[in-house]
Amino acid sequence: MSLLTLIREEAIVANVQKGNEAWKMITECMRSVAKAGDPNVRITVSSQNPEEVQASVKALQLMGFYADFQNEGRREIYISWMPRQR
């Protein structure tokens, strides 16, 4: 295992821990949407702590998901688990 992989894994774990309740809510939404067959989800996170949400999004990005957090107005996360088109 490369040093870069170890560093990435440690960063994922740290961000998941920092994500706490937001991480739990986001991943539960992702599971339910994925089971329905949808390739992406938009989640409103207005009741979640913004720092926890940002840490959760960072963990998802490090895992290879396309994840974007809009922390203005409605505070939404967009997550896609389909490969990015390049």
N, C-alpha and C. Protein backbone atom coordinates (compact mmCIF):
# COMPACT_ATOMS: atom_id res chain seq x y z
N MET A 1 0.86 -1.17 0.00
CA MET A 1 0.00 0.00 0.00
C MET A 1 0.90 1.24 0.00
N SER A 2 0.57 2.20 -0.83
CA SER A 2 1.41 3.39 -0.94
C SER A 2 1.13 4.38 0.19
N LEU A 3 2.08 5.25 0.40
CA LEU A 3 1.95 6.28 1.42
C LEU A 3 0.75 7.19 1.12
N LEU A 4 0.56 7.52 -0.15
CA LEU A 4 -0.57 8.36 -0.54
C LEU A 4 -1.90 7.70 -0.19
N THR A 5 -2.01 6.39 -0.40
CA THR A 5 -3.24 5.67 -0.06
C THR A 5 -3.47 5.70 1.44
N LEU A 6 -2.43 5.50 2.23
CA LEU A 6 -2.56 5.54 3.69
C LEU A 6 -3.00 6.93 4.17
N ILE A 7 -2.42 7.95 3.60
CA ILE A 7 -2.78 9.33 3.98
C ILE A 7 -4.24 9.60 3.61
N ARG A 8 -4.67 9.17 2.43
CA ARG A 8 -6.05 9.37 2.00
C ARG A 8 -7.01 8.64 2.95
N GLU A 9 -6.69 7.40 3.31
CA GLU A 9 -7.55 6.64 4.21
C GLU A 9 -7.66 7.29 5.58
N GLU A 10 -6.54 7.80 6.10
CA GLU A 10 -6.57 8.50 7.38
C GLU A 10 -7.41 9.77 7.29
N ALA A 11 -7.32 10.48 6.18
CA ALA A 11 -8.11 11.70 5.99
C ALA A 11 -9.59 11.37 5.90
N ILE A 12 -9.94 10.26 5.26
CA ILE A 12 -11.34 9.85 5.18
C ILE A 12 -11.87 9.57 6.57
N VAL A 13 -11.14 8.78 7.35
CA VAL A 13 -11.57 8.43 8.71
C VAL A 13 -11.73 9.69 9.56
N ALA A 14 -10.78 10.60 9.48
CA ALA A 14 -10.86 11.84 10.27
C ALA A 14 -12.08 12.67 9.88
N ASN A 15 -12.36 12.76 8.59
CA ASN A 15 -13.51 13.54 8.13
C ASN A 15 -14.84 12.87 8.49
N VAL A 16 -14.89 11.55 8.45
CA VAL A 16 -16.11 10.84 8.84
C VAL A 16 -16.38 11.08 10.32
N GLN A 17 -15.34 11.00 11.15
CA GLN A 17 -15.52 11.26 12.58
C GLN A 17 -15.97 12.69 12.84
N LYS A 18 -15.39 13.62 12.13
CA LYS A 18 -15.78 15.03 12.27
C LYS A 18 -17.19 15.26 11.74
N GLY A 19 -17.61 14.47 10.75
CA GLY A 19 -18.94 14.60 10.16
C GLY A 19 -20.06 14.19 11.09
N ASN A 20 -19.80 13.25 11.98
CA ASN A 20 -20.71 12.83 13.04
C ASN A 20 -22.15 12.63 12.56
N GLU A 21 -23.08 13.42 13.07
CA GLU A 21 -24.51 13.25 12.75
C GLU A 21 -24.82 13.55 11.29
N ALA A 22 -24.13 14.53 10.73
CA ALA A 22 -24.35 14.85 9.31
C ALA A 22 -23.95 13.66 8.44
N TRP A 23 -22.84 13.01 8.77
CA TRP A 23 -22.38 11.84 8.02
C TRP A 23 -23.44 10.75 8.05
N LYS A 24 -23.99 10.49 9.21
CA LYS A 24 -25.01 9.44 9.36
C LYS A 24 -26.24 9.76 8.50
N MET A 25 -26.70 10.99 8.54
CA MET A 25 -27.88 11.39 7.78
C MET A 25 -27.61 11.31 6.27
N ILE A 26 -26.47 11.81 5.84
CA ILE A 26 -26.13 11.84 4.42
C ILE A 26 -26.00 10.42 3.86
N THR A 27 -25.28 9.55 4.56
CA THR A 27 -25.09 8.20 4.05
C THR A 27 -26.40 7.40 4.07
N GLU A 28 -27.26 7.66 5.01
CA GLU A 28 -28.56 6.98 5.02
C GLU A 28 -29.40 7.42 3.82
N CYS A 29 -29.38 8.70 3.50
CA CYS A 29 -30.09 9.19 2.31
C CYS A 29 -29.50 8.57 1.04
N MET A 30 -28.19 8.50 0.98
CA MET A 30 -27.54 7.90 -0.19
C MET A 30 -27.95 6.44 -0.36
N ARG A 31 -27.99 5.69 0.74
CA ARG A 31 -28.38 4.28 0.67
C ARG A 31 -29.79 4.11 0.13
N SER A 32 -30.71 4.90 0.66
CA SER A 32 -32.11 4.74 0.24
C SER A 32 -32.29 5.12 -1.22
N VAL A 33 -31.62 6.15 -1.68
CA VAL A 33 -31.73 6.58 -3.07
C VAL A 33 -31.06 5.56 -4.00
N ALA A 34 -29.90 5.05 -3.59
CA ALA A 34 -29.19 4.06 -4.41
C ALA A 34 -30.01 2.78 -4.55
N LYS A 35 -30.68 2.37 -3.48
CA LYS A 35 -31.53 1.17 -3.54
C LYS A 35 -32.67 1.35 -4.52
N ALA A 36 -33.12 2.58 -4.69
CA ALA A 36 -34.19 2.88 -5.64
C ALA A 36 -33.67 2.92 -7.07
N GLY A 37 -32.35 2.89 -7.24
CA GLY A 37 -31.76 2.85 -8.58
C GLY A 37 -31.33 4.20 -9.13
N ASP A 38 -31.41 5.25 -8.34
CA ASP A 38 -31.00 6.57 -8.82
C ASP A 38 -29.48 6.71 -8.73
N PRO A 39 -28.85 7.37 -9.71
CA PRO A 39 -27.40 7.51 -9.72
C PRO A 39 -26.89 8.74 -8.95
N ASN A 40 -27.79 9.56 -8.42
CA ASN A 40 -27.36 10.74 -7.67
C ASN A 40 -28.46 11.18 -6.71
N VAL A 41 -28.11 12.10 -5.83
CA VAL A 41 -29.06 12.59 -4.84
C VAL A 41 -28.75 14.05 -4.52
N ARG A 42 -29.78 14.79 -4.24
CA ARG A 42 -29.65 16.17 -3.76
C ARG A 42 -30.30 16.19 -2.38
N ILE A 43 -29.52 16.57 -1.36
CA ILE A 43 -29.98 16.53 0.03
C ILE A 43 -29.94 17.93 0.61
N THR A 44 -31.04 18.37 1.20
CA THR A 44 -31.07 19.64 1.91
C THR A 44 -30.58 19.39 3.33
N VAL A 45 -29.58 20.13 3.76
CA VAL A 45 -28.95 19.90 5.06
C VAL A 45 -29.05 21.14 5.96
N SER A 46 -30.16 21.84 5.87
CA SER A 46 -30.31 23.08 6.63
C SER A 46 -30.33 22.87 8.13
N SER A 47 -30.70 21.67 8.59
CA SER A 47 -30.75 21.42 10.04
C SER A 47 -29.44 20.82 10.57
N GLN A 48 -28.46 20.62 9.71
CA GLN A 48 -27.19 20.02 10.11
C GLN A 48 -26.12 21.08 10.34
N ASN A 49 -25.16 20.76 11.19
CA ASN A 49 -24.03 21.64 11.47
C ASN A 49 -23.19 21.79 10.20
N PRO A 50 -22.93 23.02 9.74
CA PRO A 50 -22.19 23.22 8.48
C PRO A 50 -20.78 22.62 8.49
N GLU A 51 -20.10 22.65 9.63
CA GLU A 51 -18.76 22.07 9.70
C GLU A 51 -18.82 20.55 9.54
N GLU A 52 -19.84 19.92 10.13
CA GLU A 52 -20.01 18.48 9.99
C GLU A 52 -20.36 18.12 8.54
N VAL A 53 -21.19 18.95 7.93
CA VAL A 53 -21.56 18.70 6.53
C VAL A 53 -20.34 18.82 5.63
N GLN A 54 -19.54 19.85 5.84
CA GLN A 54 -18.35 20.05 5.01
C GLN A 54 -17.37 18.89 5.18
N ALA A 55 -17.19 18.42 6.40
CA ALA A 55 -16.30 17.28 6.64
C ALA A 55 -16.84 16.02 5.96
N SER A 56 -18.14 15.83 5.99
CA SER A 56 -18.76 14.67 5.35
C SER A 56 -18.58 14.72 3.83
N VAL A 57 -18.77 15.88 3.26
CA VAL A 57 -18.58 16.05 1.82
C VAL A 57 -17.12 15.78 1.44
N LYS A 58 -16.20 16.26 2.25
CA LYS A 58 -14.77 16.02 1.98
C LYS A 58 -14.47 14.52 2.02
N ALA A 59 -15.04 13.81 2.99
CA ALA A 59 -14.83 12.36 3.07
C ALA A 59 -15.36 11.67 1.81
N LEU A 60 -16.54 12.07 1.35
CA LEU A 60 -17.11 11.49 0.14
C LEU A 60 -16.23 11.76 -1.08
N GLN A 61 -15.71 12.98 -1.17
CA GLN A 61 -14.83 13.32 -2.29
C GLN A 61 -13.56 12.48 -2.26
N LEU A 62 -12.99 12.27 -1.07
CA LEU A 62 -11.79 11.45 -0.95
C LEU A 62 -12.06 9.99 -1.30
N MET A 63 -13.32 9.56 -1.14
CA MET A 63 -13.71 8.19 -1.49
C MET A 63 -13.96 8.04 -2.99
N GLY A 64 -13.98 9.16 -3.73
CA GLY A 64 -14.15 9.10 -5.17
C GLY A 64 -15.54 9.49 -5.66
N PHE A 65 -16.41 9.90 -4.76
CA PHE A 65 -17.73 10.37 -5.17
C PHE A 65 -17.62 11.80 -5.68
N TYR A 66 -18.52 12.16 -6.60
CA TYR A 66 -18.66 13.57 -6.96
C TYR A 66 -19.60 14.15 -5.91
N ALA A 67 -19.12 15.06 -5.10
CA ALA A 67 -19.94 15.67 -4.05
C ALA A 67 -19.68 17.16 -4.02
N ASP A 68 -20.76 17.93 -3.92
CA ASP A 68 -20.67 19.39 -3.91
C ASP A 68 -21.60 19.92 -2.83
N PHE A 69 -21.12 20.85 -2.02
CA PHE A 69 -21.91 21.43 -0.94
C PHE A 69 -22.12 22.91 -1.21
N GLN A 70 -23.38 23.30 -1.34
CA GLN A 70 -23.74 24.71 -1.52
C GLN A 70 -24.20 25.25 -0.17
N ASN A 71 -23.33 26.02 0.50
CA ASN A 71 -23.62 26.50 1.85
C ASN A 71 -24.24 27.90 1.83
N GLU A 72 -25.10 28.12 0.88
CA GLU A 72 -25.79 29.41 0.80
C GLU A 72 -27.27 29.13 0.61
N GLY A 73 -28.09 29.92 1.23
CA GLY A 73 -29.53 29.76 1.05
C GLY A 73 -30.05 28.46 1.63
N ARG A 74 -30.42 27.53 0.76
CA ARG A 74 -31.06 26.28 1.19
C ARG A 74 -30.07 25.26 1.74
N ARG A 75 -28.78 25.46 1.54
CA ARG A 75 -27.75 24.52 1.99
C ARG A 75 -28.03 23.12 1.50
N GLU A 76 -27.60 22.85 0.29
CA GLU A 76 -27.82 21.55 -0.34
C GLU A 76 -26.51 20.85 -0.65
N ILE A 77 -26.58 19.53 -0.65
CA ILE A 77 -25.46 18.70 -1.09
C ILE A 77 -25.94 17.97 -2.34
N TYR A 78 -25.08 17.91 -3.33
CA TYR A 78 -25.35 17.09 -4.52
C TYR A 78 -24.29 16.01 -4.54
N ILE A 79 -24.70 14.74 -4.65
CA ILE A 79 -23.77 13.62 -4.67
C ILE A 79 -24.13 12.71 -5.83
N SER A 80 -23.11 12.31 -6.57
CA SER A 80 -23.30 11.36 -7.66
C SER A 80 -22.31 10.22 -7.49
N TRP A 81 -22.75 9.01 -7.71
CA TRP A 81 -21.86 7.86 -7.61
C TRP A 81 -21.60 7.22 -8.96
N MET A 82 -21.93 7.91 -10.01
CA MET A 82 -21.61 7.45 -11.36
C MET A 82 -20.23 7.99 -11.71
N PRO A 83 -19.46 7.28 -12.53
CA PRO A 83 -18.14 7.78 -12.94
C PRO A 83 -18.25 9.13 -13.64
N ARG A 84 -17.30 9.98 -13.38
CA ARG A 84 -17.29 11.30 -14.02
C ARG A 84 -16.98 11.16 -15.49
N GLN A 85 -17.65 11.98 -16.29
CA GLN A 85 -17.37 12.03 -17.73
C GLN A 85 -16.24 13.01 -17.95
N ARG A 86 -15.21 12.56 -18.64
CA ARG A 86 -14.05 13.44 -18.86
C ARG A 86 -13.93 13.78 -20.31
